[in-house]
Amino acid sequence: MRVGEVRRETKETKIAVKVDLDGQGRYDVKTGIGFLDHMLEQLSRHGLFDIHVRAEGDLHIDFHHTTEDTGIALGEAFAIALGDRKGIVRYGSAHIPMDETLTRVALDCSNRPYLIWKVNFTRDKLGDMDTELFKEWFQAFAQAAGLTLHVENLYGENNHHIVESCFKALARALRQATEIDPRASNAVPSTKGVLGGSL
């Protein structure tokens, strides 16, 4: 079973995460941030990952620490579930439309983290959440999961649609990349024989 479980506790947050890469899209997410919960549910449902998240954070200050640390913990859980990354497809991409919006995500489960973020917002907040925090979540997730991750909103007007299409595109691309390749199920998908770092 490709399952990852992480507990992360700091003076700012206390987070428990469990991820099953071969799930059915079942989710149980409670971060204390309604909009973030909604986005993580999209990640689960459209990636067919089973995701359990419990987060307690210093929301009386702002949503930054909880958002970032949830990205870190979830990314670490994905990395654990992927293990040595043997047999995975490795690459994934998706174009996701949502009404007037279109977003493209391309990623490599390379174990060499890097984020390209080409997403702009016309509002500072969605509900109570600062829109600048979405980049922070994607950065934290990519770093901890070991993803080279490119996210580009090609066009769109509604900020809710823009964010949601980013998460749905991530879900579909990540689902594609983490699936086991039936033609190479026992091989690391690299001529190096290993994924990650400077090796």
C-alpha atoms as a PDB file:
ATOM      1  CA  MET A   1       0.000   0.000   0.000  1.00  0.00           C
ATOM      2  CA  ARG A   2       1.244   3.468  -0.926  1.00  0.00           C
ATOM      3  CA  VAL A   3       0.291   5.342   2.204  1.00  0.00           C
ATOM      4  CA  GLY A   4       1.966   8.270   3.915  1.00  0.00           C
ATOM      5  CA  GLU A   5       1.275   9.545   7.407  1.00  0.00           C
ATOM      6  CA  VAL A   6       2.759  12.673   8.994  1.00  0.00           C
ATOM      7  CA  ARG A   7       2.413  14.455  12.297  1.00  0.00           C
ATOM      8  CA  ARG A   8       3.884  17.931  12.439  1.00  0.00           C
ATOM      9  CA  GLU A   9       3.870  20.064  15.573  1.00  0.00           C
ATOM     10  CA  THR A  10       5.382  23.519  16.090  1.00  0.00           C
ATOM     11  CA  LYS A  11       4.610  26.457  18.358  1.00  0.00           C
ATOM     12  CA  GLU A  12       2.341  27.726  15.579  1.00  0.00           C
ATOM     13  CA  THR A  13       0.538  24.633  14.324  1.00  0.00           C
ATOM     14  CA  LYS A  14      -0.342  21.042  15.123  1.00  0.00           C
ATOM     15  CA  ILE A  15      -1.121  18.939  12.061  1.00  0.00           C
ATOM     16  CA  ALA A  16      -1.881  15.278  11.353  1.00  0.00           C
ATOM     17  CA  VAL A  17      -2.136  14.040   7.762  1.00  0.00           C
ATOM     18  CA  LYS A  18      -2.712  10.667   6.125  1.00  0.00           C
ATOM     19  CA  VAL A  19      -2.678  10.055   2.358  1.00  0.00           C
ATOM     20  CA  ASP A  20      -3.448   6.933   0.331  1.00  0.00           C
ATOM     21  CA  LEU A  21      -2.309   7.354  -3.272  1.00  0.00           C
ATOM     22  CA  ASP A  22      -4.439   4.425  -4.428  1.00  0.00           C
ATOM     23  CA  GLY A  23      -7.657   5.568  -2.837  1.00  0.00           C
ATOM     24  CA  GLN A  24     -11.105   6.434  -4.107  1.00  0.00           C
ATOM     25  CA  GLY A  25     -11.139  10.182  -3.537  1.00  0.00           C
ATOM     26  CA  ARG A  26     -12.422  10.030   0.023  1.00  0.00           C
ATOM     27  CA  TYR A  27     -11.624  13.004   2.222  1.00  0.00           C
ATOM     28  CA  ASP A  28     -11.947  14.122   5.803  1.00  0.00           C
ATOM     29  CA  VAL A  29     -10.379  17.574   6.048  1.00  0.00           C
ATOM     30  CA  LYS A  30     -10.550  20.074   8.885  1.00  0.00           C
ATOM     31  CA  THR A  31      -7.995  22.901   8.961  1.00  0.00           C
ATOM     32  CA  GLY A  32     -10.134  25.637  10.492  1.00  0.00           C
ATOM     33  CA  ILE A  33      -9.964  27.492   7.155  1.00  0.00           C
ATOM     34  CA  GLY A  34     -13.099  26.803   5.163  1.00  0.00           C
ATOM     35  CA  PHE A  35     -11.755  27.730   1.740  1.00  0.00           C
ATOM     36  CA  LEU A  36      -8.586  25.674   2.210  1.00  0.00           C
ATOM     37  CA  ASP A  37     -10.691  22.685   3.274  1.00  0.00           C
ATOM     38  CA  HIS A  38     -12.703  23.052   0.065  1.00  0.00           C
ATOM     39  CA  MET A  39      -9.537  23.083  -2.063  1.00  0.00           C
ATOM     40  CA  LEU A  40      -8.017  20.037  -0.351  1.00  0.00           C
ATOM     41  CA  GLU A  41     -11.291  18.204  -0.907  1.00  0.00           C
ATOM     42  CA  GLN A  42     -10.917  18.982  -4.624  1.00  0.00           C
ATOM     43  CA  LEU A  43      -7.367  17.590  -4.551  1.00  0.00           C
ATOM     44  CA  SER A  44      -8.657  14.388  -3.005  1.00  0.00           C
ATOM     45  CA  ARG A  45     -11.716  13.920  -5.192  1.00  0.00           C
ATOM     46  CA  HIS A  46     -10.148  14.702  -8.552  1.00  0.00           C
ATOM     47  CA  GLY A  47      -6.866  12.934  -7.816  1.00  0.00           C
ATOM     48  CA  LEU A  48      -8.607   9.881  -6.339  1.00  0.00           C
ATOM     49  CA  PHE A  49      -6.385  10.199  -3.285  1.00  0.00           C
ATOM     50  CA  ASP A  50      -7.823   9.394   0.134  1.00  0.00           C
ATOM     51  CA  ILE A  51      -6.844  12.340   2.324  1.00  0.00           C
ATOM     52  CA  HIS A  52      -7.300  12.852   6.053  1.00  0.00           C
ATOM     53  CA  VAL A  53      -6.206  16.197   7.530  1.00  0.00           C
ATOM     54  CA  ARG A  54      -6.532  17.629  11.015  1.00  0.00           C
ATOM     55  CA  ALA A  55      -4.902  21.014  11.601  1.00  0.00           C
ATOM     56  CA  GLU A  56      -4.918  23.357  14.561  1.00  0.00           C
ATOM     57  CA  GLY A  57      -3.124  26.650  14.144  1.00  0.00           C
ATOM     58  CA  ASP A  58      -2.763  30.226  15.327  1.00  0.00           C
ATOM     59  CA  LEU A  59      -5.717  31.450  13.264  1.00  0.00           C
ATOM     60  CA  HIS A  60      -6.196  34.310  15.725  1.00  0.00           C
ATOM     61  CA  ILE A  61      -3.069  35.818  14.134  1.00  0.00           C
ATOM     62  CA  ASP A  62      -3.769  34.985  10.482  1.00  0.00           C
ATOM     63  CA  PHE A  63      -4.035  31.974   8.158  1.00  0.00           C
ATOM     64  CA  HIS A  64      -0.420  31.945   6.978  1.00  0.00           C
ATOM     65  CA  HIS A  65       1.130  29.372   9.320  1.00  0.00           C
ATOM     66  CA  THR A  66      -1.753  26.911   9.049  1.00  0.00           C
ATOM     67  CA  THR A  67      -1.872  27.172   5.259  1.00  0.00           C
ATOM     68  CA  GLU A  68       1.877  26.756   4.787  1.00  0.00           C
ATOM     69  CA  ASP A  69       2.310  23.993   7.362  1.00  0.00           C
ATOM     70  CA  THR A  70      -0.630  22.052   5.945  1.00  0.00           C
ATOM     71  CA  GLY A  71       1.107  22.192   2.556  1.00  0.00           C
ATOM     72  CA  ILE A  72       4.335  20.950   4.134  1.00  0.00           C
ATOM     73  CA  ALA A  73       2.672  18.088   6.012  1.00  0.00           C
ATOM     74  CA  LEU A  74       0.593  16.987   3.038  1.00  0.00           C
ATOM     75  CA  GLY A  75       3.631  17.141   0.761  1.00  0.00           C
ATOM     76  CA  GLU A  76       5.673  15.062   3.212  1.00  0.00           C
ATOM     77  CA  ALA A  77       2.884  12.476   3.334  1.00  0.00           C
ATOM     78  CA  PHE A  78       2.872  12.250  -0.473  1.00  0.00           C
ATOM     79  CA  ALA A  79       6.668  11.839  -0.477  1.00  0.00           C
ATOM     80  CA  ILE A  80       6.464   9.031   2.070  1.00  0.00           C
ATOM     81  CA  ALA A  81       3.716   7.301   0.086  1.00  0.00           C
ATOM     82  CA  LEU A  82       5.805   7.535  -3.096  1.00  0.00           C
ATOM     83  CA  GLY A  83       8.804   5.923  -1.409  1.00  0.00           C
ATOM     84  CA  ASP A  84      11.663   5.408  -3.887  1.00  0.00           C
ATOM     85  CA  ARG A  85       9.230   6.377  -6.701  1.00  0.00           C
ATOM     86  CA  LYS A  86       9.852   3.073  -8.442  1.00  0.00           C
ATOM     87  CA  GLY A  87       7.308   2.245 -11.140  1.00  0.00           C
ATOM     88  CA  ILE A  88       5.527   5.600 -11.265  1.00  0.00           C
ATOM     89  CA  VAL A  89       4.714   7.372 -14.511  1.00  0.00           C
ATOM     90  CA  ARG A  90       6.615  10.349 -13.040  1.00  0.00           C
ATOM     91  CA  TYR A  91       5.248  13.118 -15.294  1.00  0.00           C
ATOM     92  CA  GLY A  92       1.740  14.517 -15.382  1.00  0.00           C
ATOM     93  CA  SER A  93      -0.115  17.459 -16.852  1.00  0.00           C
ATOM     94  CA  ALA A  94      -3.642  18.791 -17.030  1.00  0.00           C
ATOM     95  CA  HIS A  95      -5.622  21.657 -18.521  1.00  0.00           C
ATOM     96  CA  ILE A  96      -8.658  22.359 -16.355  1.00  0.00           C
ATOM     97  CA  PRO A  97     -11.460  24.688 -17.481  1.00  0.00           C
ATOM     98  CA  MET A  98     -13.890  26.180 -15.006  1.00  0.00           C
ATOM     99  CA  ASP A  99     -16.429  28.399 -16.740  1.00  0.00           C
ATOM    100  CA  GLU A 100     -14.411  31.360 -18.101  1.00  0.00           C
ATOM    101  CA  THR A 101     -11.156  30.145 -16.554  1.00  0.00           C
ATOM    102  CA  LEU A 102      -8.467  27.817 -17.894  1.00  0.00           C
ATOM    103  CA  THR A 103      -5.459  26.655 -15.882  1.00  0.00           C
ATOM    104  CA  ARG A 104      -2.536  24.450 -16.878  1.00  0.00           C
ATOM    105  CA  VAL A 105      -0.445  22.354 -14.492  1.00  0.00           C
ATOM    106  CA  ALA A 106       2.600  20.311 -15.502  1.00  0.00           C
ATOM    107  CA  LEU A 107       4.661  18.418 -12.966  1.00  0.00           C
ATOM    108  CA  ASP A 108       7.526  16.007 -12.511  1.00  0.00           C
ATOM    109  CA  CYS A 109       7.795  13.791  -9.424  1.00  0.00           C
ATOM    110  CA  SER A 110      11.533  14.331  -9.740  1.00  0.00           C
ATOM    111  CA  ASN A 111      12.368  14.703  -6.048  1.00  0.00           C
ATOM    112  CA  ARG A 112      13.927  18.007  -7.120  1.00  0.00           C
ATOM    113  CA  PRO A 113      11.477  20.610  -5.841  1.00  0.00           C
ATOM    114  CA  TYR A 114      10.783  23.727  -7.862  1.00  0.00           C
ATOM    115  CA  LEU A 115       7.713  25.902  -8.299  1.00  0.00           C
ATOM    116  CA  ILE A 116       6.796  28.113 -11.229  1.00  0.00           C
ATOM    117  CA  TRP A 117       3.678  30.095 -10.283  1.00  0.00           C
ATOM    118  CA  LYS A 118       2.047  32.213 -12.988  1.00  0.00           C
ATOM    119  CA  VAL A 119      -1.241  33.022 -11.298  1.00  0.00           C
ATOM    120  CA  ASN A 120      -2.589  36.512 -10.656  1.00  0.00           C
ATOM    121  CA  PHE A 121      -5.570  37.618  -8.625  1.00  0.00           C
ATOM    122  CA  THR A 122      -7.671  40.763  -8.758  1.00  0.00           C
ATOM    123  CA  ARG A 123      -8.823  40.443  -5.145  1.00  0.00           C
ATOM    124  CA  ASP A 124      -6.808  40.352  -1.942  1.00  0.00           C
ATOM    125  CA  LYS A 125      -9.129  37.866  -0.263  1.00  0.00           C
ATOM    126  CA  LEU A 126     -11.464  34.991  -1.004  1.00  0.00           C
ATOM    127  CA  GLY A 127     -13.755  34.828   1.962  1.00  0.00           C
ATOM    128  CA  ASP A 128     -11.412  35.359   4.900  1.00  0.00           C
ATOM    129  CA  MET A 129      -8.378  33.920   3.123  1.00  0.00           C
ATOM    130  CA  ASP A 130      -5.635  36.074   1.606  1.00  0.00           C
ATOM    131  CA  THR A 131      -5.168  35.114  -2.038  1.00  0.00           C
ATOM    132  CA  GLU A 132      -1.375  35.434  -1.701  1.00  0.00           C
ATOM    133  CA  LEU A 133      -1.463  32.370   0.567  1.00  0.00           C
ATOM    134  CA  PHE A 134      -2.291  30.034  -2.314  1.00  0.00           C
ATOM    135  CA  LYS A 135       1.204  30.434  -3.702  1.00  0.00           C
ATOM    136  CA  GLU A 136       2.560  29.717  -0.220  1.00  0.00           C
ATOM    137  CA  TRP A 137       0.579  26.461  -0.088  1.00  0.00           C
ATOM    138  CA  PHE A 138       1.743  25.325  -3.533  1.00  0.00           C
ATOM    139  CA  GLN A 139       5.359  26.237  -2.708  1.00  0.00           C
ATOM    140  CA  ALA A 140       5.263  24.314   0.571  1.00  0.00           C
ATOM    141  CA  PHE A 141       3.576  21.315  -1.030  1.00  0.00           C
ATOM    142  CA  ALA A 142       5.978  21.143  -3.994  1.00  0.00           C
ATOM    143  CA  GLN A 143       9.015  21.475  -1.730  1.00  0.00           C
ATOM    144  CA  ALA A 144       7.924  18.789   0.714  1.00  0.00           C
ATOM    145  CA  ALA A 145       6.581  16.371  -1.918  1.00  0.00           C
ATOM    146  CA  GLY A 146       9.646  16.714  -4.144  1.00  0.00           C
ATOM    147  CA  LEU A 147       7.814  18.045  -7.183  1.00  0.00           C
ATOM    148  CA  THR A 148       8.932  20.211 -10.055  1.00  0.00           C
ATOM    149  CA  LEU A 149       5.606  22.002 -10.384  1.00  0.00           C
ATOM    150  CA  HIS A 150       4.480  24.527 -12.982  1.00  0.00           C
ATOM    151  CA  VAL A 151       1.125  26.239 -12.431  1.00  0.00           C
ATOM    152  CA  GLU A 152      -0.160  28.734 -14.967  1.00  0.00           C
ATOM    153  CA  ASN A 153      -3.553  30.361 -15.164  1.00  0.00           C
ATOM    154  CA  LEU A 154      -3.964  30.970 -18.889  1.00  0.00           C
ATOM    155  CA  TYR A 155      -7.013  33.193 -18.490  1.00  0.00           C
ATOM    156  CA  GLY A 156      -9.922  33.837 -16.168  1.00  0.00           C
ATOM    157  CA  GLU A 157     -11.827  36.524 -14.325  1.00  0.00           C
ATOM    158  CA  ASN A 158     -13.431  34.952 -11.269  1.00  0.00           C
ATOM    159  CA  ASN A 159     -10.833  34.515  -8.517  1.00  0.00           C
ATOM    160  CA  HIS A 160     -12.648  31.544  -6.982  1.00  0.00           C
ATOM    161  CA  HIS A 161     -12.609  29.774 -10.345  1.00  0.00           C
ATOM    162  CA  ILE A 162      -8.917  30.551 -10.809  1.00  0.00           C
ATOM    163  CA  VAL A 163      -7.909  29.013  -7.476  1.00  0.00           C
ATOM    164  CA  GLU A 164     -10.178  26.014  -7.814  1.00  0.00           C
ATOM    165  CA  SER A 165      -8.930  25.259 -11.313  1.00  0.00           C
ATOM    166  CA  CYS A 166      -5.350  25.329  -9.959  1.00  0.00           C
ATOM    167  CA  PHE A 167      -6.135  22.691  -7.339  1.00  0.00           C
ATOM    168  CA  LYS A 168      -8.153  20.535  -9.731  1.00  0.00           C
ATOM    169  CA  ALA A 169      -5.394  20.681 -12.335  1.00  0.00           C
ATOM    170  CA  LEU A 170      -2.850  19.731  -9.660  1.00  0.00           C
ATOM    171  CA  ALA A 171      -5.063  16.793  -8.679  1.00  0.00           C
ATOM    172  CA  ARG A 172      -5.372  15.445 -12.210  1.00  0.00           C
ATOM    173  CA  ALA A 173      -1.694  15.928 -13.064  1.00  0.00           C
ATOM    174  CA  LEU A 174      -0.583  14.371  -9.780  1.00  0.00           C
ATOM    175  CA  ARG A 175      -2.915  11.423 -10.254  1.00  0.00           C
ATOM    176  CA  GLN A 176      -1.401  10.811 -13.695  1.00  0.00           C
ATOM    177  CA  ALA A 177       2.193  11.150 -12.486  1.00  0.00           C
ATOM    178  CA  THR A 178       1.859   8.938  -9.397  1.00  0.00           C
ATOM    179  CA  GLU A 179       0.099   6.045 -11.118  1.00  0.00           C
ATOM    180  CA  ILE A 180       2.081   2.853 -11.583  1.00  0.00           C
ATOM    181  CA  ASP A 181       3.252   2.353 -15.159  1.00  0.00           C
ATOM    182  CA  PRO A 182       2.289  -1.232 -16.109  1.00  0.00           C
ATOM    183  CA  ARG A 183       5.162  -1.356 -18.625  1.00  0.00           C
ATOM    184  CA  ALA A 184       7.820  -0.384 -16.077  1.00  0.00           C
ATOM    185  CA  SER A 185       6.381  -1.185 -12.656  1.00  0.00           C
ATOM    186  CA  ASN A 186       9.732  -2.250 -11.161  1.00  0.00           C
ATOM    187  CA  ALA A 187      11.925   0.490 -12.580  1.00  0.00           C
ATOM    188  CA  VAL A 188      12.767   3.962 -11.313  1.00  0.00           C
ATOM    189  CA  PRO A 189      11.770   6.289 -14.188  1.00  0.00           C
ATOM    190  CA  SER A 190      15.210   7.812 -14.667  1.00  0.00           C
ATOM    191  CA  THR A 191      18.381   6.894 -16.561  1.00  0.00           C
ATOM    192  CA  LYS A 192      20.216   7.653 -13.291  1.00  0.00           C
ATOM    193  CA  GLY A 193      18.390   4.814 -11.561  1.00  0.00           C
ATOM    194  CA  VAL A 194      17.340   7.180  -8.780  1.00  0.00           C
ATOM    195  CA  LEU A 195      15.179  10.281  -8.501  1.00  0.00           C
ATOM    196  CA  GLY A 196      16.282  13.309  -6.575  1.00  0.00           C
ATOM    197  CA  GLY A 197      19.006  15.654  -5.544  1.00  0.00           C
ATOM    198  CA  SER A 198      22.212  15.991  -7.526  1.00  0.00           C
ATOM    199  CA  LEU A 199      22.593  12.242  -8.090  1.00  0.00           C
END
